[in-house]
Amino acid sequence: MLKIAHRGASGYKVGNTLSAFKKAVELGVDMVELDVRRCKTGEAIVIHDKFIQSKKIRLKSISLVDLQRIHIAKNEKIPTLNEAIAIIPPHVRIDIDIKDTKATEEVVAAIEHAVQKGRSYDAFLVTTYNPRTLFTISKLNNHIATSLLIFFLPTTFIKLAARFHNTMSVQLKLQHVSKETVTLAHQFGLQIFAWVANDPKEITRLKQIHVDGIITDFPDRI
């Protein structure tokens, strides 16, 4: 079972920052999950929301140069995807959750650049809530494994995910993770990751029904 750090070790550090990724690695995770959007000038940026909340700035209205002048916490800046990849060691897999589908090409390019520098495609997983993006990624580069983020109708979307040959897993909200959905995903040859599990009792339940990975803010609880 994979220990997956949600936005890095976000229970201990500000999520989606280099400090959170470093902490996750220290805690021995198998995979770091992070979120990606595009800024005004087109670079892939590690951030969950459309806005930089502390500054009330819309991401698509700010350039990378201006973005890098902003501190979201003490000594913490919003990293680029390339910076995040560089700081996470090769033995730790990276789950890149595309929050803005317009960032898809930039994500693929960042992975290809990392592979050219010596990383394996196996070190990356690209997650999306949008099934069309699964298709886009397979067209851009069919070596990149993908995962479908599922918010509702788990049976329907597990079956849909199985139709994409590059899609290796599905990621379900806790309330949709059951013995039945785990069994269904496995029947279709898919791994199933549960998010976000922080409560020890919930973590125990997920282990008992044999999920393949647990996404958590506190990796040391797994």
Foldseek 3Di string as FASTA:
>chain_A
DFQEEEQALCVVPPRQWLVSNVVNVVLPGQEYEFEWDAACVGFIWTDQDQALVVVRHGRNVDDPVVQQVDASDVVTGTGTPLVNVVSHDLSRAYEYEYPYLSNLVNVLVSLVVVVVVPHDLVSYEYEYQDPVSLVVNCVVPVSHAYEHEDEDPLLVVLVVLLVRPRHAAYEYELVPDDLVSCVSNVVSNHAYEYPADDDLVSVVRCVVSPHPYHYYSHSNSD
